[in-house]
Amino acid sequence: MPITDETHRFTALSVRLTGFDGAALEATGLTDTYRAVAAEQLGAGPYARLLHELREPDDSMDDDLREAARAVTYLWYTGSWPGWPPLTVSSRAYAEGLVWKAAGLKAPATDPEGYGSWAGTPDRSAPGDGTGGSGR
């Protein structure tokens, strides 16, 4: 898909909502997919409003804008759109969920080592693994 102004806006919005930088979001390979899911699930009006009005999430947001922002954040972290039942985008979206990256883990049942691989000690040598910095 061609990179458009909408793609840039959605990525910038996603950076603000998730706390991950644009490179990390792009590395998932799901930016365009998530942009399409958000546009479809929110509808044209609310989606455009989210892209154009939300600068920084804060207490001044109205309920509709807040719920739209939460849904996009949920999408990035879980690979699913919230609701009952949640709309799971794909198995790849599940595996690329930011929740796993934030925890420094791989999604259960997605490791090439197979079933039970999550029970072992994770390899903490990857960038962003939390081994440096805070001294904790």
C-alpha atoms as a PDB file:
ATOM      1  CA  MET A   1       0.000   0.000   0.000  1.00  0.00           C
ATOM      2  CA  PRO A   2       1.277   3.496  -0.716  1.00  0.00           C
ATOM      3  CA  ILE A   3       2.207   5.655   2.254  1.00  0.00           C
ATOM      4  CA  THR A   4      -0.269   8.508   2.482  1.00  0.00           C
ATOM      5  CA  ASP A   5      -0.860  11.480   4.745  1.00  0.00           C
ATOM      6  CA  GLU A   6      -3.494   9.338   6.478  1.00  0.00           C
ATOM      7  CA  THR A   7      -0.887   6.639   7.147  1.00  0.00           C
ATOM      8  CA  HIS A   8       1.422   9.240   8.692  1.00  0.00           C
ATOM      9  CA  ARG A   9      -1.403  10.636  10.833  1.00  0.00           C
ATOM     10  CA  PHE A  10      -2.447   7.172  11.990  1.00  0.00           C
ATOM     11  CA  THR A  11       1.148   6.280  12.859  1.00  0.00           C
ATOM     12  CA  ALA A  12       1.645   9.557  14.753  1.00  0.00           C
ATOM     13  CA  LEU A  13      -1.615   8.978  16.623  1.00  0.00           C
ATOM     14  CA  SER A  14      -0.574   5.405  17.433  1.00  0.00           C
ATOM     15  CA  VAL A  15       2.789   6.600  18.782  1.00  0.00           C
ATOM     16  CA  ARG A  16       0.993   8.942  21.188  1.00  0.00           C
ATOM     17  CA  LEU A  17      -1.488   6.285  22.270  1.00  0.00           C
ATOM     18  CA  THR A  18       0.864   3.330  22.697  1.00  0.00           C
ATOM     19  CA  GLY A  19       4.095   4.882  23.918  1.00  0.00           C
ATOM     20  CA  PHE A  20       6.057   2.951  21.266  1.00  0.00           C
ATOM     21  CA  ASP A  21       7.993   4.846  18.611  1.00  0.00           C
ATOM     22  CA  GLY A  22       7.046   4.827  14.948  1.00  0.00           C
ATOM     23  CA  ALA A  23       9.839   2.428  14.002  1.00  0.00           C
ATOM     24  CA  ALA A  24       8.615  -0.160  16.517  1.00  0.00           C
ATOM     25  CA  LEU A  25       5.056   0.141  15.220  1.00  0.00           C
ATOM     26  CA  GLU A  26       6.167  -0.108  11.589  1.00  0.00           C
ATOM     27  CA  ALA A  27       8.288  -3.161  12.471  1.00  0.00           C
ATOM     28  CA  THR A  28       5.106  -5.084  13.276  1.00  0.00           C
ATOM     29  CA  GLY A  29       4.108  -4.814   9.615  1.00  0.00           C
ATOM     30  CA  LEU A  30       0.537  -4.100  10.701  1.00  0.00           C
ATOM     31  CA  THR A  31       0.217  -0.323  10.445  1.00  0.00           C
ATOM     32  CA  ASP A  32      -1.866  -0.351   7.264  1.00  0.00           C
ATOM     33  CA  THR A  33      -3.936  -3.279   8.485  1.00  0.00           C
ATOM     34  CA  TYR A  34      -4.689  -1.563  11.789  1.00  0.00           C
ATOM     35  CA  ARG A  35      -5.457   1.713  10.002  1.00  0.00           C
ATOM     36  CA  ALA A  36      -8.020  -0.111   7.853  1.00  0.00           C
ATOM     37  CA  VAL A  37      -9.534  -1.931  10.851  1.00  0.00           C
ATOM     38  CA  ALA A  38      -9.835   1.307  12.843  1.00  0.00           C
ATOM     39  CA  ALA A  39     -11.435   3.142   9.912  1.00  0.00           C
ATOM     40  CA  GLU A  40     -13.935   0.333   9.350  1.00  0.00           C
ATOM     41  CA  GLN A  41     -14.818  -0.260  12.999  1.00  0.00           C
ATOM     42  CA  LEU A  42     -15.080   3.402  13.990  1.00  0.00           C
ATOM     43  CA  GLY A  43     -16.783   4.601  10.812  1.00  0.00           C
ATOM     44  CA  ALA A  44     -15.610   7.427   8.582  1.00  0.00           C
ATOM     45  CA  GLY A  45     -16.678  10.352  10.773  1.00  0.00           C
ATOM     46  CA  PRO A  46     -15.349   9.164  14.139  1.00  0.00           C
ATOM     47  CA  TYR A  47     -12.153   7.861  12.515  1.00  0.00           C
ATOM     48  CA  ALA A  48     -11.455  11.208  10.810  1.00  0.00           C
ATOM     49  CA  ARG A  49     -12.211  13.025  14.045  1.00  0.00           C
ATOM     50  CA  LEU A  50      -9.758  10.830  15.958  1.00  0.00           C
ATOM     51  CA  LEU A  51      -7.003  11.439  13.411  1.00  0.00           C
ATOM     52  CA  HIS A  52      -7.525  15.196  13.250  1.00  0.00           C
ATOM     53  CA  GLU A  53      -8.614  16.196  16.754  1.00  0.00           C
ATOM     54  CA  LEU A  54      -6.612  14.044  19.110  1.00  0.00           C
ATOM     55  CA  ARG A  55      -3.285  15.658  19.864  1.00  0.00           C
ATOM     56  CA  GLU A  56      -2.536  14.224  23.304  1.00  0.00           C
ATOM     57  CA  PRO A  57      -4.847  11.929  25.272  1.00  0.00           C
ATOM     58  CA  ASP A  58      -6.093  13.800  28.341  1.00  0.00           C
ATOM     59  CA  ASP A  59      -9.099  14.435  30.560  1.00  0.00           C
ATOM     60  CA  SER A  60     -10.556  17.056  28.191  1.00  0.00           C
ATOM     61  CA  MET A  61     -11.507  14.395  25.605  1.00  0.00           C
ATOM     62  CA  ASP A  62     -15.203  13.671  25.222  1.00  0.00           C
ATOM     63  CA  ASP A  63     -16.428  10.107  25.749  1.00  0.00           C
ATOM     64  CA  ASP A  64     -16.634   9.218  22.047  1.00  0.00           C
ATOM     65  CA  LEU A  65     -13.088  10.368  21.329  1.00  0.00           C
ATOM     66  CA  ARG A  66     -11.804   8.648  24.479  1.00  0.00           C
ATOM     67  CA  GLU A  67     -13.446   5.343  23.504  1.00  0.00           C
ATOM     68  CA  ALA A  68     -12.058   5.567  19.972  1.00  0.00           C
ATOM     69  CA  ALA A  69      -8.560   6.213  21.351  1.00  0.00           C
ATOM     70  CA  ARG A  70      -8.907   3.282  23.765  1.00  0.00           C
ATOM     71  CA  ALA A  71     -10.022   0.986  20.955  1.00  0.00           C
ATOM     72  CA  VAL A  72      -7.017   1.857  18.778  1.00  0.00           C
ATOM     73  CA  THR A  73      -4.684   1.360  21.759  1.00  0.00           C
ATOM     74  CA  TYR A  74      -6.317  -1.996  22.510  1.00  0.00           C
ATOM     75  CA  LEU A  75      -5.873  -2.985  18.872  1.00  0.00           C
ATOM     76  CA  TRP A  76      -2.128  -2.323  18.954  1.00  0.00           C
ATOM     77  CA  TYR A  77      -1.580  -4.077  22.283  1.00  0.00           C
ATOM     78  CA  THR A  78      -3.710  -7.165  21.673  1.00  0.00           C
ATOM     79  CA  GLY A  79      -4.158  -7.521  17.913  1.00  0.00           C
ATOM     80  CA  SER A  80      -7.943  -7.427  18.429  1.00  0.00           C
ATOM     81  CA  TRP A  81     -10.667  -4.799  18.226  1.00  0.00           C
ATOM     82  CA  PRO A  82     -12.547  -4.531  21.552  1.00  0.00           C
ATOM     83  CA  GLY A  83     -16.135  -5.637  21.870  1.00  0.00           C
ATOM     84  CA  TRP A  84     -18.035  -8.804  22.466  1.00  0.00           C
ATOM     85  CA  PRO A  85     -16.713 -10.933  21.075  1.00  0.00           C
ATOM     86  CA  PRO A  86     -13.484  -9.106  20.270  1.00  0.00           C
ATOM     87  CA  LEU A  87     -12.605  -8.995  16.580  1.00  0.00           C
ATOM     88  CA  THR A  88      -9.266 -10.802  16.251  1.00  0.00           C
ATOM     89  CA  VAL A  89      -7.410  -9.335  13.297  1.00  0.00           C
ATOM     90  CA  SER A  90      -5.126 -12.322  12.632  1.00  0.00           C
ATOM     91  CA  SER A  91      -2.782 -14.768  14.308  1.00  0.00           C
ATOM     92  CA  ARG A  92       0.082 -12.521  13.218  1.00  0.00           C
ATOM     93  CA  ALA A  93      -1.566  -9.539  14.924  1.00  0.00           C
ATOM     94  CA  TYR A  94      -1.816 -11.598  18.129  1.00  0.00           C
ATOM     95  CA  ALA A  95       1.866 -12.548  17.914  1.00  0.00           C
ATOM     96  CA  GLU A  96       2.900  -8.932  17.202  1.00  0.00           C
ATOM     97  CA  GLY A  97       0.783  -7.480  20.033  1.00  0.00           C
ATOM     98  CA  LEU A  98       2.587  -4.732  21.900  1.00  0.00           C
ATOM     99  CA  VAL A  99       1.639  -6.349  25.182  1.00  0.00           C
ATOM    100  CA  TRP A 100       4.251  -9.033  24.513  1.00  0.00           C
ATOM    101  CA  LYS A 101       6.900  -6.505  23.498  1.00  0.00           C
ATOM    102  CA  ALA A 102       6.209  -4.379  26.578  1.00  0.00           C
ATOM    103  CA  ALA A 103       6.652  -7.453  28.778  1.00  0.00           C
ATOM    104  CA  GLY A 104       9.784  -8.588  26.922  1.00  0.00           C
ATOM    105  CA  LEU A 105       8.113 -11.873  25.968  1.00  0.00           C
ATOM    106  CA  LYS A 106       6.974 -13.772  22.913  1.00  0.00           C
ATOM    107  CA  ALA A 107       3.283 -14.542  22.604  1.00  0.00           C
ATOM    108  CA  PRO A 108       2.421 -18.002  23.946  1.00  0.00           C
ATOM    109  CA  ALA A 109       2.331 -20.720  21.286  1.00  0.00           C
ATOM    110  CA  THR A 110       4.111 -18.532  18.714  1.00  0.00           C
ATOM    111  CA  ASP A 111       7.698 -19.399  19.585  1.00  0.00           C
ATOM    112  CA  PRO A 112       9.360 -21.799  17.154  1.00  0.00           C
ATOM    113  CA  GLU A 113      10.479 -23.872  20.138  1.00  0.00           C
ATOM    114  CA  GLY A 114       6.876 -25.028  20.510  1.00  0.00           C
ATOM    115  CA  TYR A 115       4.468 -25.783  23.301  1.00  0.00           C
ATOM    116  CA  GLY A 116       5.711 -24.841  26.761  1.00  0.00           C
ATOM    117  CA  SER A 117       8.445 -22.525  25.466  1.00  0.00           C
ATOM    118  CA  TRP A 118       6.966 -19.681  27.533  1.00  0.00           C
ATOM    119  CA  ALA A 119       7.716 -21.567  30.764  1.00  0.00           C
ATOM    120  CA  GLY A 120      11.479 -21.077  30.405  1.00  0.00           C
ATOM    121  CA  THR A 121      13.482 -17.981  31.182  1.00  0.00           C
ATOM    122  CA  PRO A 122      13.186 -15.500  28.296  1.00  0.00           C
ATOM    123  CA  ASP A 123      16.251 -14.463  26.323  1.00  0.00           C
ATOM    124  CA  ARG A 124      16.921 -10.950  27.610  1.00  0.00           C
ATOM    125  CA  SER A 125      19.597 -10.069  25.077  1.00  0.00           C
ATOM    126  CA  ALA A 126      17.295  -8.367  22.547  1.00  0.00           C
ATOM    127  CA  PRO A 127      17.023  -4.574  22.247  1.00  0.00           C
ATOM    128  CA  GLY A 128      14.301  -3.140  24.449  1.00  0.00           C
ATOM    129  CA  ASP A 129      14.471  -6.079  26.825  1.00  0.00           C
ATOM    130  CA  GLY A 130      14.670  -3.991  29.946  1.00  0.00           C
ATOM    131  CA  THR A 131      18.178  -5.124  30.974  1.00  0.00           C
ATOM    132  CA  GLY A 132      19.695  -1.674  30.959  1.00  0.00           C
ATOM    133  CA  GLY A 133      19.004   1.661  32.475  1.00  0.00           C
ATOM    134  CA  SER A 134      16.997   1.633  35.694  1.00  0.00           C
ATOM    135  CA  GLY A 135      19.324  -0.502  37.811  1.00  0.00           C
ATOM    136  CA  ARG A 136      16.444  -2.487  39.242  1.00  0.00           C
END
